[in-house]
Amino acid sequence: QTLHPKLWELNRTWVFQGPGPSLQPQTMLLDEAHERLYVGAKNILYSLSLERVNHQHREIDWASSVSQVEDCLMKGREKPECANYIKVLQRYNTTHLLACGTGAFNPHCAKIRVGHTGQFELEEQSVESGRGRCPYDHNSPVTSTLDRGELYIGLYTDYWENDAALCRLNNQSYTRTERDDRQQLNEPKFIGSVVIPDNNDRDDDKVYFFFTERGTDAEGVNKAVYTRVGRVCANDQGGQRMLVNRWSSFLKTRLICSVAGPNGIDTHFDKLEDVFVLKNKDEKNPEIFGLFSTTSAVFQGYAVCVYHMDDVRAAFNGQFAHRERPEHHWTPYEGRVPYPRPGSCASEVNGGGFSGSKEFPDEVLRFVRSHPVMFSPVLPLHRRPVLLQTEPGGRRLTQIAVDRVQAQDGHYHVLYIGTDDSVVLKVITIYNKDTDTIEEVLLEELQVFKVPFPITEIIISAKRQQLYVGSEVGVAQVRLHQCDLYGSECADCCLARDPYCAWDGITCSRYYPAGVYTKRRFRRQDVRHGNAVQLCNGLQIDGQSVLERQVYGVERNSTLLECTPRSLQARVIRWNMAMSTPY
C-alpha cells in the first residue's frame, strides 16, 4: 500500500514531460558541476535544471534526415525505428559531451558544447560515424563509460546484431574483444561499466563490464543465462603479432546471487537487471549493488546482492578455468601459467618489465585467448542477497540506485528500486551479526509518475539530496526524504526508521551528524530497532510500543477516535476505550 501516493501534491516531485505525449528517454547524465541533467531521447537532447527539471530546459533537435529515414525504410524497417535515438551520452571534457545516436540504423556521434551559462549546442563540424560507438537498433543493450578521453563500450556493432563486442575507442586506436569467439562473449546483454583503479599506479587501472550471457553445451546449444563481470586493462594496446587491436587482458568470471535451499539446492538469481557502483572516499574500493531476477518460467523472483572489490579482485587473481573439450566440465587449470600473468597490466606495480602489452610474449597472449574464464565466481557479501522479493505475480523490479547515509547509530545503505508501474521503493537492509540475519525495512513507496510505466533509469544526487527518475513518459525529480510527513510526534518519527530523519525536540526533521548541524542538540533516532518507547519515554503494554493520547468528549455525544499511522513501520492495533488510548 502506498502511504503517500500523490507526491506532486506534497511539493516533493517535479516532472519534465517534453513537448510530445512520450519523451522516451534512452540515457541520462548528471552534471553537478554545471548543475544540469542531460537527457538523450528520441530525436532530441535535453538539458534540464537540477534545481527544477521542469523549469527553463534547453533542447537540441537531432532528428534523422529525410534521406536517412528513406534509406532506413528501404531496408524494411518501420518508421518509428528510423528515428535518431540517443543511446550514448558521456562527459568528454569540461566543455563538451559526447553524444551518439542510432541515426535511422546509421549511427553517428557528435560533440555537444556545454557551459556554466547554460550553453547547450551541437557542433555540426564534429558529427561523424558512430559505428562501433553506438548500436543500430534503439532496443539494443549498450553500456559505456568515458575515462581520460577514451570511450569504453559494450554493444552490438553491426546492423544484424550478430557481433557483440567490448571496445575502447580513442583518436588513435580501436581495441575490442575477438569476433565470433563465444568463449569471450555469447549473446551478451550489456548492463553496466566502470573504471576502478587497483592502486595509485594509473597504468594498472582496470575497466569492469557487467553483462549477462548464455552458456553452451558440447553441441553449441545455448543453455542457462549467467551474470558475468568482465575486466580489461585500461592501457591495453593489444598484441604485436597476435591479438592485434584485440584485448590482451580480457578475463571474466561469474557473479553469484543465490539463496540456500533445502537439500543443498540453491535458488539462483542469474539474470542481472541493473547494477549500481557506490563510490566512496576510497576510489579503489567502491561497493557494487546488483539487482537480479530469476530465469525460471515457473518461479519469478528478484534479489539485490552486494559485492566488495576485495572479492572481485580475488576471483581474478585466482585460478583460471579450463576444460579439454566443450562437453567436459570446467576444472581449475593446473598447468604452468606464463609470465607476466595473463590479464595483468603493463605497469610499474607489475614489475615495469614491459612498456606496453605489445611487448608481452606470444605465450601470454595465446594463454589469455584460450583461458578467458576464471574458475572461482564472485560471491556476495554475507553469501546471500540483502533483499528478496519472491511474491508470485508481484511487480517487476527494473532499476537500482543507492545512497550511503550516516545515522545516529551508524551508516546505512538506502536502496531506491524502480518498478514496472512507476513506483520507486525506498528500502534499507539491516544485518544482525549476532543472529546472521538480514532485515529488510520498506521505508516508502514513491509513486513517481501518475501513469504506470516501467522505470528505465535512476540517478541519485547525494549532493542535492535528489533522485532523478526516467520512464517512457518523462523525467521526474524526487526529494530523497520529506521528514515532516512523519509528523511532529517523537514516537511517529522514531517508528519510521528513516535514517535521513530524527526528532529534534519539536518535529521530525533532517538528521545531521554531530558538528554539522548544532542548532538543535536534542535528537531522537533509532534506525536499527525503531524503539520509540525507550527514546520517547512512552508506555509498553503486552510488549507493544504505544503512544498515549488523551481524548476528551462531551457526555452523550460521539467523538472521533483518530489514529493514523505516519509511516509504513507504524500501525494501529486497537483502542483501549477505558483509557481513550490507542495501542
Protein backbone atom coordinates (compact mmCIF):
# COMPACT_ATOMS: atom_id res chain seq x y z
CA GLN A 1 0.00 0.00 0.00
CA THR A 2 1.34 3.40 -0.95
CA LEU A 3 1.32 5.65 2.09
CA HIS A 4 1.70 8.97 0.29
CA PRO A 5 0.75 8.30 -3.35
CA LYS A 6 0.46 11.89 -4.54
CA LEU A 7 3.97 13.25 -4.26
CA TRP A 8 3.15 16.08 -6.66
CA GLU A 9 0.59 17.41 -4.14
CA LEU A 10 3.24 17.39 -1.41
CA ASN A 11 5.68 19.53 -3.41
CA ARG A 12 8.15 16.64 -3.35
CA THR A 13 8.39 15.82 -7.04
CA TRP A 14 8.61 17.68 -10.36
CA VAL A 15 8.19 16.05 -13.76
CA PHE A 16 9.53 17.06 -17.17
CA GLN A 17 7.45 15.53 -19.95
CA GLY A 18 8.77 17.31 -23.04
CA PRO A 19 6.70 18.55 -25.94
CA GLY A 20 5.04 15.31 -27.02
CA PRO A 21 2.95 12.56 -25.43
CA SER A 22 6.00 10.33 -24.94
CA LEU A 23 9.52 11.54 -24.07
CA GLN A 24 11.18 8.11 -24.49
CA PRO A 25 14.49 8.93 -22.75
CA GLN A 26 17.24 6.48 -23.68
CA THR A 27 20.04 7.69 -21.41
CA MET A 28 20.64 10.31 -18.70
CA LEU A 29 23.80 12.03 -17.46
CA LEU A 30 24.21 14.01 -14.24
CA ASP A 31 26.47 17.08 -14.45
CA GLU A 32 26.68 18.59 -10.98
CA ALA A 33 29.49 20.97 -12.00
CA HIS A 34 27.15 22.76 -14.42
CA GLU A 35 24.03 21.94 -12.36
CA ARG A 36 22.35 20.21 -15.28
CA LEU A 37 20.80 16.85 -16.10
CA TYR A 38 21.33 15.82 -19.73
CA VAL A 39 18.79 13.50 -21.32
CA GLY A 40 19.22 11.66 -24.62
CA ALA A 41 15.79 10.89 -26.06
CA LYS A 42 14.12 10.22 -29.41
CA ASN A 43 15.39 12.84 -31.91
CA ILE A 44 16.15 15.33 -29.10
CA LEU A 45 18.79 16.08 -26.48
CA TYR A 46 17.62 17.91 -23.36
CA SER A 47 19.46 19.93 -20.74
CA LEU A 48 17.39 20.15 -17.55
CA SER A 49 17.94 22.17 -14.39
CA LEU A 50 18.94 20.14 -11.34
CA GLU A 51 17.03 22.65 -9.22
CA ARG A 52 13.72 22.01 -11.04
CA VAL A 53 13.72 19.65 -14.02
CA ASN A 54 10.57 21.23 -15.43
CA HIS A 55 11.89 24.83 -15.39
CA GLN A 56 13.99 26.51 -18.09
CA HIS A 57 15.05 23.45 -20.05
CA ARG A 58 17.14 23.65 -23.22
CA GLU A 59 16.98 21.27 -26.13
CA ILE A 60 18.80 20.25 -29.31
CA ASP A 61 16.81 18.80 -32.19
CA TRP A 62 18.85 15.98 -33.68
CA ALA A 63 16.44 14.04 -35.85
CA SER A 64 17.39 11.74 -38.70
CA SER A 65 17.45 13.47 -42.09
CA VAL A 66 14.80 12.75 -44.73
CA SER A 67 17.28 10.73 -46.81
CA GLN A 68 18.38 8.73 -43.75
CA VAL A 69 14.76 7.88 -42.94
CA GLU A 70 14.11 6.87 -46.59
CA ASP A 71 17.16 4.59 -46.59
CA CYS A 72 16.00 3.07 -43.32
CA LEU A 73 12.51 2.39 -44.67
CA MET A 74 14.02 0.88 -47.83
CA LYS A 75 15.80 -1.65 -45.62
CA GLY A 76 12.43 -2.83 -44.33
CA ARG A 77 12.34 -1.00 -41.02
CA GLU A 78 9.23 0.61 -39.54
CA LYS A 79 9.08 4.41 -39.33
CA PRO A 80 9.37 4.61 -35.50
CA GLU A 81 12.60 2.60 -35.76
CA CYS A 82 14.04 5.13 -38.20
CA ALA A 83 14.30 7.95 -35.68
CA ASN A 84 17.56 9.01 -34.03
CA TYR A 85 17.58 7.55 -30.53
CA ILE A 86 20.44 8.98 -28.44
CA LYS A 87 21.88 5.93 -26.68
CA VAL A 88 25.33 7.17 -25.58
CA LEU A 89 25.86 10.34 -23.55
CA GLN A 90 29.17 10.87 -21.76
CA ARG A 91 31.16 13.75 -20.31
CA TYR A 92 34.02 14.17 -22.82
CA ASN A 93 35.82 17.02 -21.03
CA THR A 94 34.95 20.15 -19.02
CA THR A 95 33.38 21.87 -22.03
CA HIS A 96 31.96 19.05 -24.16
CA LEU A 97 29.75 15.97 -24.06
CA LEU A 98 29.99 13.02 -26.44
CA ALA A 99 26.58 12.05 -27.79
CA CYS A 100 25.83 9.12 -30.11
CA GLY A 101 22.52 8.17 -31.70
CA THR A 102 21.12 5.32 -33.78
CA GLY A 103 20.56 7.69 -36.74
CA ALA A 104 17.90 5.64 -38.55
CA PHE A 105 20.08 2.49 -38.40
CA ASN A 106 23.12 4.52 -39.44
CA PRO A 107 24.67 5.52 -36.09
CA HIS A 108 26.59 8.77 -35.70
CA CYS A 109 28.22 10.77 -32.91
CA ALA A 110 28.79 14.46 -32.18
CA LYS A 111 30.29 16.77 -29.59
CA ILE A 112 27.90 18.91 -27.54
CA ARG A 113 29.26 22.16 -26.10
CA VAL A 114 28.10 22.88 -22.53
CA GLY A 115 28.92 25.63 -20.07
CA HIS A 116 28.03 27.47 -16.85
CA THR A 117 25.92 29.99 -18.75
CA GLY A 118 23.52 27.25 -19.77
CA GLN A 119 25.30 26.75 -23.10
CA PHE A 120 24.00 23.68 -24.92
CA GLU A 121 24.71 23.33 -28.63
CA LEU A 122 25.67 20.61 -31.07
CA GLU A 123 28.86 21.33 -33.04
CA GLU A 124 27.93 20.40 -36.61
CA GLN A 125 31.56 20.01 -37.72
CA SER A 126 32.07 17.29 -35.10
CA VAL A 127 29.39 14.92 -36.48
CA GLU A 128 30.96 11.62 -37.57
CA SER A 129 30.13 7.95 -37.97
CA GLY A 130 29.09 6.24 -34.77
CA ARG A 131 29.74 2.68 -35.90
CA GLY A 132 31.34 0.78 -33.06
CA ARG A 133 30.28 3.52 -30.64
CA CYS A 134 26.50 3.21 -30.81
CA PRO A 135 24.12 0.34 -31.68
CA TYR A 136 21.94 0.46 -34.79
CA ASP A 137 18.72 -0.53 -33.01
CA HIS A 138 17.32 1.60 -30.19
CA ASN A 139 16.23 -1.58 -28.36
CA SER A 140 19.77 -2.91 -28.36
CA PRO A 141 21.51 -3.08 -24.95
CA VAL A 142 24.55 -0.84 -24.53
CA THR A 143 26.79 0.29 -21.69
CA SER A 144 29.51 2.92 -21.84
CA THR A 145 31.91 4.85 -19.66
CA LEU A 146 34.42 7.53 -20.61
CA ASP A 147 37.74 7.89 -18.83
CA ARG A 148 40.66 10.19 -19.72
CA GLY A 149 39.29 10.81 -23.21
CA GLU A 150 38.75 7.14 -24.03
CA LEU A 151 35.33 5.56 -24.54
CA TYR A 152 34.82 2.06 -23.17
CA ILE A 153 31.66 0.50 -24.51
CA GLY A 154 29.79 -2.80 -24.68
CA LEU A 155 27.42 -3.12 -27.64
CA TYR A 156 26.40 -4.96 -30.79
CA THR A 157 28.43 -3.33 -33.54
CA ASP A 158 26.56 -4.50 -36.66
CA TYR A 159 23.19 -3.99 -38.31
CA TRP A 160 22.01 -7.57 -37.74
CA GLU A 161 23.21 -7.73 -34.12
CA ASN A 162 25.48 -10.71 -34.64
CA ASP A 163 28.71 -9.06 -33.46
CA ALA A 164 28.81 -8.29 -29.76
CA ALA A 165 31.93 -6.55 -28.50
CA LEU A 166 33.58 -4.80 -25.59
CA CYS A 167 35.52 -1.92 -27.14
CA ARG A 168 37.76 1.02 -26.38
CA LEU A 169 37.90 3.95 -28.79
CA ASN A 170 40.20 6.94 -28.84
CA ASN A 171 41.69 9.13 -31.55
CA GLN A 172 44.47 6.65 -32.32
CA SER A 173 43.15 3.13 -31.83
CA TYR A 174 40.18 0.78 -31.67
CA THR A 175 40.60 -2.18 -29.32
CA ARG A 176 37.95 -4.84 -28.88
CA THR A 177 37.13 -8.44 -28.00
CA GLU A 178 37.61 -11.14 -30.64
CA ARG A 179 34.98 -11.53 -33.34
CA ASP A 180 32.90 -14.72 -33.30
CA ASP A 181 34.54 -16.03 -30.14
CA ARG A 182 31.75 -17.46 -27.99
CA GLN A 183 34.24 -18.20 -25.23
CA GLN A 184 34.62 -14.45 -24.73
CA LEU A 185 31.05 -13.30 -25.34
CA ASN A 186 27.98 -15.41 -26.09
CA GLU A 187 24.76 -13.47 -26.78
CA PRO A 188 25.55 -10.89 -24.08
CA LYS A 189 23.19 -8.29 -22.71
CA PHE A 190 25.27 -5.33 -21.52
CA ILE A 191 24.23 -3.78 -18.21
CA GLY A 192 26.98 -1.55 -16.78
CA SER A 193 30.63 -0.49 -16.92
CA VAL A 194 33.06 1.40 -14.69
CA VAL A 195 36.77 2.22 -14.38
CA ILE A 196 38.19 1.25 -10.97
CA PRO A 197 41.84 1.75 -10.00
CA ASP A 198 43.67 -1.06 -8.24
CA ASN A 199 46.26 1.23 -6.66
CA ASN A 200 47.98 4.60 -7.17
CA ASP A 201 49.60 3.47 -10.44
CA ARG A 202 47.18 4.67 -13.12
CA ASP A 203 48.75 2.26 -15.63
CA ASP A 204 47.23 -0.51 -13.53
CA ASP A 205 43.63 0.79 -13.80
CA LYS A 206 41.02 -1.78 -14.78
CA VAL A 207 37.74 -1.39 -16.66
CA TYR A 208 34.92 -3.63 -15.44
CA PHE A 209 31.94 -4.63 -17.59
CA PHE A 210 28.77 -6.21 -16.16
CA PHE A 211 26.64 -8.32 -18.51
CA THR A 212 24.58 -11.49 -18.83
CA GLU A 213 25.33 -14.18 -21.38
CA ARG A 214 24.45 -17.75 -22.24
CA GLY A 215 26.44 -20.87 -21.54
CA THR A 216 26.82 -23.51 -24.27
CA ASP A 217 26.90 -27.30 -24.24
CA ALA A 218 29.02 -29.67 -26.34
CA GLU A 219 26.79 -29.24 -29.40
CA GLY A 220 26.99 -25.46 -29.18
CA VAL A 221 23.39 -25.22 -27.99
CA ASN A 222 22.78 -22.21 -25.78
CA LYS A 223 21.75 -23.11 -22.27
CA ALA A 224 21.45 -21.23 -19.00
CA VAL A 225 21.89 -17.49 -18.54
CA TYR A 226 24.75 -16.33 -16.31
CA THR A 227 25.75 -12.94 -14.97
CA ARG A 228 29.35 -12.00 -15.65
CA VAL A 229 31.84 -9.38 -14.63
CA GLY A 230 34.49 -8.88 -17.31
CA ARG A 231 37.76 -6.99 -16.88
CA VAL A 232 40.38 -5.39 -19.12
CA CYS A 233 43.39 -3.17 -18.50
CA ALA A 234 42.68 0.46 -19.36
CA ASN A 235 46.11 0.77 -21.02
CA ASP A 236 45.81 -2.48 -23.04
CA GLN A 237 47.02 -1.88 -26.62
CA GLY A 238 46.66 -5.48 -27.83
CA GLY A 239 49.48 -7.63 -29.17
CA GLN A 240 52.17 -7.01 -31.77
CA ARG A 241 51.82 -10.18 -33.92
CA MET A 242 48.71 -11.81 -32.50
CA LEU A 243 45.66 -10.22 -30.85
CA VAL A 244 46.34 -7.10 -32.92
CA ASN A 245 43.82 -4.42 -31.88
CA ARG A 246 42.31 -7.05 -29.58
CA TRP A 247 42.31 -7.11 -25.80
CA SER A 248 45.34 -8.92 -24.42
CA SER A 249 43.94 -8.72 -20.87
CA PHE A 250 40.26 -9.70 -21.17
CA LEU A 251 39.09 -12.04 -18.39
CA LYS A 252 35.66 -12.75 -16.96
CA THR A 253 34.04 -14.61 -14.12
CA ARG A 254 30.58 -15.29 -12.77
CA LEU A 255 28.68 -13.13 -10.27
CA ILE A 256 26.69 -15.37 -7.93
CA CYS A 257 23.46 -14.20 -6.29
CA SER A 258 21.62 -17.11 -4.71
CA VAL A 259 19.66 -18.33 -1.69
CA ALA A 260 20.44 -21.63 0.01
CA GLY A 261 17.55 -24.03 -0.32
CA PRO A 262 16.54 -27.42 1.08
CA ASN A 263 18.65 -30.45 0.17
CA GLY A 264 21.56 -28.17 -0.63
CA ILE A 265 19.93 -26.90 -3.84
CA ASP A 266 20.35 -23.14 -4.15
CA THR A 267 17.85 -20.84 -5.81
CA HIS A 268 19.89 -18.75 -8.24
CA PHE A 269 19.05 -15.25 -9.42
CA ASP A 270 21.04 -15.41 -12.64
CA LYS A 271 19.75 -12.51 -14.70
CA LEU A 272 21.25 -9.10 -13.93
CA GLU A 273 18.64 -6.36 -14.39
CA ASP A 274 20.73 -3.39 -13.24
CA VAL A 275 23.96 -2.59 -11.44
CA PHE A 276 24.95 0.37 -9.25
CA VAL A 277 28.53 1.15 -8.26
CA LEU A 278 28.52 3.10 -4.99
CA LYS A 279 31.71 5.12 -4.84
CA ASN A 280 33.18 6.36 -1.57
CA LYS A 281 36.26 8.21 -0.36
CA ASP A 282 38.44 5.23 -1.24
CA GLU A 283 38.01 5.21 -5.03
CA LYS A 284 39.75 1.82 -5.21
CA ASN A 285 37.03 0.05 -3.22
CA PRO A 286 33.50 1.00 -4.25
CA GLU A 287 30.61 -1.29 -3.35
CA ILE A 288 28.75 -2.98 -6.18
CA PHE A 289 24.98 -3.50 -5.93
CA GLY A 290 23.35 -5.89 -8.40
CA LEU A 291 19.60 -6.20 -9.00
CA PHE A 292 18.91 -9.73 -10.20
CA SER A 293 15.92 -11.76 -11.33
CA THR A 294 15.28 -15.46 -11.83
CA THR A 295 15.32 -17.03 -15.28
CA SER A 296 12.73 -19.67 -14.41
CA ALA A 297 9.45 -19.66 -16.29
CA VAL A 298 7.78 -21.13 -13.19
CA PHE A 299 9.18 -19.01 -10.37
CA GLN A 300 9.53 -15.21 -10.61
CA GLY A 301 11.70 -13.50 -8.05
CA TYR A 302 14.12 -10.62 -7.53
CA ALA A 303 17.13 -10.13 -5.31
CA VAL A 304 19.74 -7.50 -4.52
CA CYS A 305 23.28 -8.70 -3.85
CA VAL A 306 26.24 -6.59 -2.73
CA TYR A 307 29.85 -7.25 -3.76
CA HIS A 308 33.13 -5.97 -2.35
CA MET A 309 36.09 -5.24 -4.60
CA ASP A 310 38.35 -7.47 -2.48
CA ASP A 311 36.24 -10.45 -3.52
CA VAL A 312 36.15 -9.36 -7.17
CA ARG A 313 39.93 -8.97 -7.31
CA ALA A 314 40.44 -12.28 -5.50
CA ALA A 315 38.44 -14.08 -8.20
CA PHE A 316 40.54 -12.52 -10.99
CA ASN A 317 43.77 -13.28 -9.12
CA GLY A 318 42.72 -16.90 -8.56
CA GLN A 319 42.88 -19.97 -10.75
CA PHE A 320 41.94 -19.95 -14.40
CA ALA A 321 39.15 -22.24 -15.59
CA HIS A 322 39.96 -25.00 -18.05
CA ARG A 323 38.19 -27.73 -19.97
CA GLU A 324 39.63 -30.10 -22.56
CA ARG A 325 36.51 -30.23 -24.70
CA PRO A 326 33.15 -28.40 -24.77
CA GLU A 327 31.38 -31.46 -23.37
CA HIS A 328 33.70 -31.59 -20.35
CA HIS A 329 33.17 -29.82 -17.03
CA TRP A 330 35.18 -26.75 -16.08
CA THR A 331 38.11 -27.51 -13.77
CA PRO A 332 40.86 -25.36 -12.25
CA TYR A 333 43.83 -25.00 -14.61
CA GLU A 334 46.71 -26.91 -13.04
CA GLY A 335 49.43 -26.28 -15.64
CA ARG A 336 52.13 -23.62 -15.80
CA VAL A 337 50.86 -20.04 -16.03
CA PRO A 338 53.17 -17.88 -18.19
CA TYR A 339 54.80 -14.62 -17.07
CA PRO A 340 53.62 -11.91 -16.90
CA ARG A 341 50.38 -13.29 -15.51
CA PRO A 342 47.71 -13.28 -18.24
CA GLY A 343 45.23 -10.48 -17.63
CA SER A 344 47.73 -8.26 -15.80
CA CYS A 345 48.61 -4.76 -17.00
CA ALA A 346 51.93 -3.35 -18.21
CA SER A 347 52.69 -1.17 -15.20
CA GLU A 348 55.33 -0.32 -12.62
CA VAL A 349 53.33 -2.17 -9.97
CA ASN A 350 53.68 -5.37 -12.02
CA GLY A 351 57.46 -5.08 -12.26
CA GLY A 352 57.80 -2.47 -15.00
CA GLY A 353 59.46 -5.01 -17.29
CA PHE A 354 57.15 -4.21 -20.21
CA SER A 355 56.35 -0.75 -21.55
CA GLY A 356 53.10 -1.98 -23.07
CA SER A 357 51.04 -5.04 -23.94
CA LYS A 358 52.63 -5.19 -27.42
CA GLU A 359 55.80 -6.41 -25.70
CA PHE A 360 54.09 -9.33 -23.94
CA PRO A 361 55.36 -12.78 -25.04
CA ASP A 362 53.18 -14.67 -27.50
CA GLU A 363 52.59 -17.47 -24.99
CA VAL A 364 50.90 -14.97 -22.66
CA LEU A 365 48.58 -13.86 -25.46
CA ARG A 366 47.86 -17.45 -26.51
CA PHE A 367 47.03 -18.36 -22.91
CA VAL A 368 44.67 -15.45 -22.30
CA ARG A 369 42.86 -16.10 -25.59
CA SER A 370 42.27 -19.76 -24.70
CA HIS A 371 41.57 -19.18 -20.97
CA PRO A 372 39.38 -16.05 -20.62
CA VAL A 373 37.26 -17.56 -17.81
CA MET A 374 38.24 -17.60 -14.12
CA PHE A 375 37.38 -20.71 -12.11
CA SER A 376 36.17 -19.03 -8.90
CA PRO A 377 32.99 -16.93 -9.05
CA VAL A 378 32.43 -13.74 -7.05
CA LEU A 379 30.23 -14.39 -4.02
CA PRO A 380 28.15 -11.62 -2.44
CA LEU A 381 28.51 -10.03 0.97
CA HIS A 382 27.09 -12.34 3.69
CA ARG A 383 26.96 -15.05 0.97
CA ARG A 384 23.34 -14.21 0.19
CA PRO A 385 21.08 -11.35 -1.00
CA VAL A 386 20.43 -8.36 1.21
CA LEU A 387 16.93 -8.04 -0.27
CA LEU A 388 14.46 -10.57 -1.69
CA GLN A 389 11.13 -10.27 -3.47
CA THR A 390 9.53 -13.59 -4.30
CA GLU A 391 5.78 -12.91 -4.24
CA PRO A 392 4.14 -14.58 -7.24
CA GLY A 393 2.52 -12.14 -9.64
CA GLY A 394 4.24 -9.19 -7.99
CA ARG A 395 5.59 -6.13 -9.73
CA ARG A 396 8.76 -6.33 -11.78
CA LEU A 397 11.87 -4.59 -10.45
CA THR A 398 13.83 -2.72 -13.09
CA GLN A 399 16.44 -0.28 -11.71
CA ILE A 400 18.53 0.38 -8.61
CA ALA A 401 20.39 3.34 -7.10
CA VAL A 402 21.94 3.54 -3.63
CA ASP A 403 22.73 6.32 -1.17
CA ARG A 404 25.05 5.90 1.81
CA VAL A 405 23.56 7.75 4.79
CA GLN A 406 25.05 8.46 8.19
CA ALA A 407 22.56 8.00 11.02
CA GLN A 408 22.98 8.26 14.79
CA ASP A 409 23.59 4.51 15.15
CA GLY A 410 25.83 4.01 12.12
CA HIS A 411 25.85 4.15 8.33
CA TYR A 412 23.04 2.72 6.22
CA HIS A 413 22.61 1.96 2.55
CA VAL A 414 19.30 3.35 1.32
CA LEU A 415 18.21 1.43 -1.77
CA TYR A 416 15.98 3.08 -4.36
CA ILE A 417 14.47 0.38 -6.55
CA GLY A 418 12.42 1.19 -9.64
CA THR A 419 9.46 -0.96 -10.68
CA ASP A 420 7.41 -1.55 -13.82
CA ASP A 421 4.49 0.55 -12.53
CA SER A 422 6.13 3.97 -11.91
CA VAL A 423 6.95 3.25 -8.27
CA VAL A 424 10.32 3.70 -6.56
CA LEU A 425 10.74 1.59 -3.43
CA LYS A 426 12.87 3.18 -0.69
CA VAL A 427 14.38 0.37 1.37
CA ILE A 428 17.08 -0.16 3.98
CA THR A 429 18.59 -3.51 4.92
CA ILE A 430 19.98 -4.19 8.40
CA TYR A 431 22.43 -7.00 9.07
CA ASN A 432 22.39 -8.57 12.55
CA LYS A 433 25.83 -10.02 13.21
CA ASP A 434 24.71 -11.96 16.30
CA THR A 435 21.95 -13.89 14.51
CA ASP A 436 23.48 -13.70 10.99
CA THR A 437 20.16 -12.43 9.63
CA ILE A 438 19.19 -9.54 7.37
CA GLU A 439 16.11 -7.41 7.98
CA GLU A 440 14.51 -5.56 5.08
CA VAL A 441 12.71 -2.32 6.02
CA LEU A 442 10.47 -0.72 3.39
CA LEU A 443 10.53 2.98 4.29
CA GLU A 444 8.40 4.41 1.47
CA GLU A 445 6.67 3.57 -1.79
CA LEU A 446 7.08 6.60 -4.03
CA GLN A 447 4.55 6.82 -6.87
CA VAL A 448 6.73 8.93 -9.15
CA PHE A 449 4.54 9.18 -12.28
CA LYS A 450 0.76 9.40 -12.43
CA VAL A 451 0.52 6.62 -15.03
CA PRO A 452 2.09 3.17 -14.57
CA PHE A 453 5.18 2.82 -16.79
CA PRO A 454 8.43 0.94 -16.15
CA ILE A 455 11.20 2.95 -14.51
CA THR A 456 14.10 2.89 -17.01
CA GLU A 457 16.72 4.94 -15.17
CA ILE A 458 17.50 6.19 -11.67
CA ILE A 459 20.25 8.73 -10.98
CA ILE A 460 21.00 9.83 -7.46
CA SER A 461 22.47 13.16 -6.39
CA ALA A 462 23.67 12.86 -2.80
CA LYS A 463 24.91 16.45 -3.03
CA ARG A 464 21.43 17.79 -3.80
CA GLN A 465 19.55 15.06 -1.94
CA GLN A 466 17.50 14.39 -5.06
CA LEU A 467 16.57 11.41 -7.19
CA TYR A 468 16.22 11.78 -10.98
CA VAL A 469 13.99 9.09 -12.47
CA GLY A 470 13.38 8.28 -16.12
CA SER A 471 10.48 6.45 -17.77
CA GLU A 472 8.87 6.49 -21.19
CA VAL A 473 6.59 9.35 -20.15
CA GLY A 474 9.18 11.72 -18.74
CA VAL A 475 11.90 12.55 -16.24
CA ALA A 476 10.97 13.08 -12.58
CA GLN A 477 12.86 14.73 -9.76
CA VAL A 478 12.10 13.44 -6.26
CA ARG A 479 13.43 14.52 -2.88
CA LEU A 480 15.20 11.67 -1.10
CA HIS A 481 13.32 12.48 2.08
CA GLN A 482 10.48 14.56 3.47
CA CYS A 483 10.76 14.13 7.20
CA ASP A 484 7.77 16.31 8.08
CA LEU A 485 5.49 13.64 6.59
CA TYR A 486 6.22 11.57 9.69
CA GLY A 487 4.58 14.26 11.82
CA SER A 488 5.69 16.21 14.88
CA GLU A 489 5.48 13.41 17.46
CA CYS A 490 8.68 11.77 18.72
CA ALA A 491 7.21 8.26 18.51
CA ASP A 492 5.99 8.67 14.92
CA CYS A 493 9.39 9.93 13.83
CA CYS A 494 11.34 7.15 15.56
CA LEU A 495 8.99 4.41 14.36
CA ALA A 496 9.58 5.48 10.75
CA ARG A 497 13.21 4.22 11.00
CA ASP A 498 14.22 6.58 8.19
CA PRO A 499 17.99 7.28 8.51
CA TYR A 500 17.51 10.71 6.96
CA CYS A 501 15.16 11.81 9.74
CA ALA A 502 15.24 12.38 13.51
CA TRP A 503 13.03 14.03 16.10
CA ASP A 504 14.69 17.29 17.13
CA GLY A 505 12.53 18.06 20.15
CA ILE A 506 9.90 19.91 18.13
CA THR A 507 9.25 17.94 14.95
CA CYS A 508 10.60 15.25 12.64
CA SER A 509 13.40 16.86 10.62
CA ARG A 510 16.53 16.04 8.65
CA TYR A 511 19.19 14.32 10.73
CA TYR A 512 22.68 15.83 10.60
CA PRO A 513 25.76 14.24 12.20
CA ALA A 514 27.20 15.93 15.29
CA GLY A 515 29.23 19.00 14.42
CA VAL A 516 27.44 19.54 11.11
CA TYR A 517 24.23 20.96 12.50
CA THR A 518 24.22 22.12 16.11
CA LYS A 519 21.19 24.39 16.29
CA ARG A 520 19.11 21.71 18.00
CA ARG A 521 21.02 19.18 20.08
CA PHE A 522 18.00 17.21 21.23
CA ARG A 523 17.71 14.41 18.68
CA ARG A 524 15.92 11.07 18.83
CA GLN A 525 16.53 8.38 16.21
CA ASP A 526 16.79 4.59 16.25
CA VAL A 527 17.00 3.16 12.73
CA ARG A 528 18.16 -0.28 13.80
CA HIS A 529 15.32 -1.02 16.23
CA GLY A 530 12.74 1.78 15.93
CA ASN A 531 12.32 1.68 19.69
CA ALA A 532 10.05 4.65 20.29
CA VAL A 533 9.27 3.56 23.86
CA GLN A 534 12.83 3.87 25.05
CA LEU A 535 13.56 7.03 23.10
CA CYS A 536 10.32 8.90 23.65
CA ASN A 537 9.51 7.93 27.25
CA GLY A 538 6.38 6.14 26.10
CA LEU A 539 4.49 3.20 27.59
CA GLN A 540 4.69 -0.51 26.90
CA ILE A 541 1.66 -2.80 27.08
CA ASP A 542 1.95 -6.51 26.28
CA GLY A 543 5.36 -5.83 24.74
CA GLN A 544 3.92 -3.32 22.27
CA SER A 545 5.17 0.24 21.83
CA VAL A 546 2.39 2.73 22.50
CA LEU A 547 1.79 6.43 22.19
CA GLU A 548 -0.51 7.70 24.91
CA ARG A 549 -3.00 10.32 23.85
CA GLN A 550 -5.92 11.61 25.93
CA VAL A 551 -9.13 12.33 24.05
CA TYR A 552 -11.96 14.29 25.75
CA GLY A 553 -15.59 14.04 24.71
CA VAL A 554 -18.96 15.51 25.64
CA GLU A 555 -21.37 13.27 27.57
CA ARG A 556 -23.96 11.56 25.34
CA ASN A 557 -22.12 12.75 22.24
CA SER A 558 -19.82 10.98 19.76
CA THR A 559 -16.09 11.59 19.43
CA LEU A 560 -13.90 10.51 16.51
CA LEU A 561 -11.08 8.34 17.85
CA GLU A 562 -8.48 9.07 15.18
CA CYS A 563 -5.07 7.40 14.96
CA THR A 564 -3.39 7.47 11.57
CA PRO A 565 0.00 5.75 11.16
CA ARG A 566 2.57 8.17 9.81
CA SER A 567 4.93 5.61 8.27
CA LEU A 568 4.97 2.08 6.90
CA GLN A 569 6.57 0.90 10.15
CA ALA A 570 3.82 2.23 12.45
CA ARG A 571 0.47 0.51 12.79
CA VAL A 572 -2.72 0.83 14.83
CA ILE A 573 -3.54 -2.27 16.85
CA ARG A 574 -6.63 -1.32 18.90
CA TRP A 575 -8.18 1.35 21.13
CA ASN A 576 -8.42 0.95 24.88
CA MET A 577 -11.80 2.58 25.37
CA ALA A 578 -11.45 2.95 29.13
CA MET A 579 -8.24 4.92 28.83
CA SER A 580 -9.02 6.55 25.47
CA THR A 581 -5.55 5.41 24.44
CA PRO A 582 -4.54 3.81 21.11
CA TYR A 583 -2.10 0.95 21.34
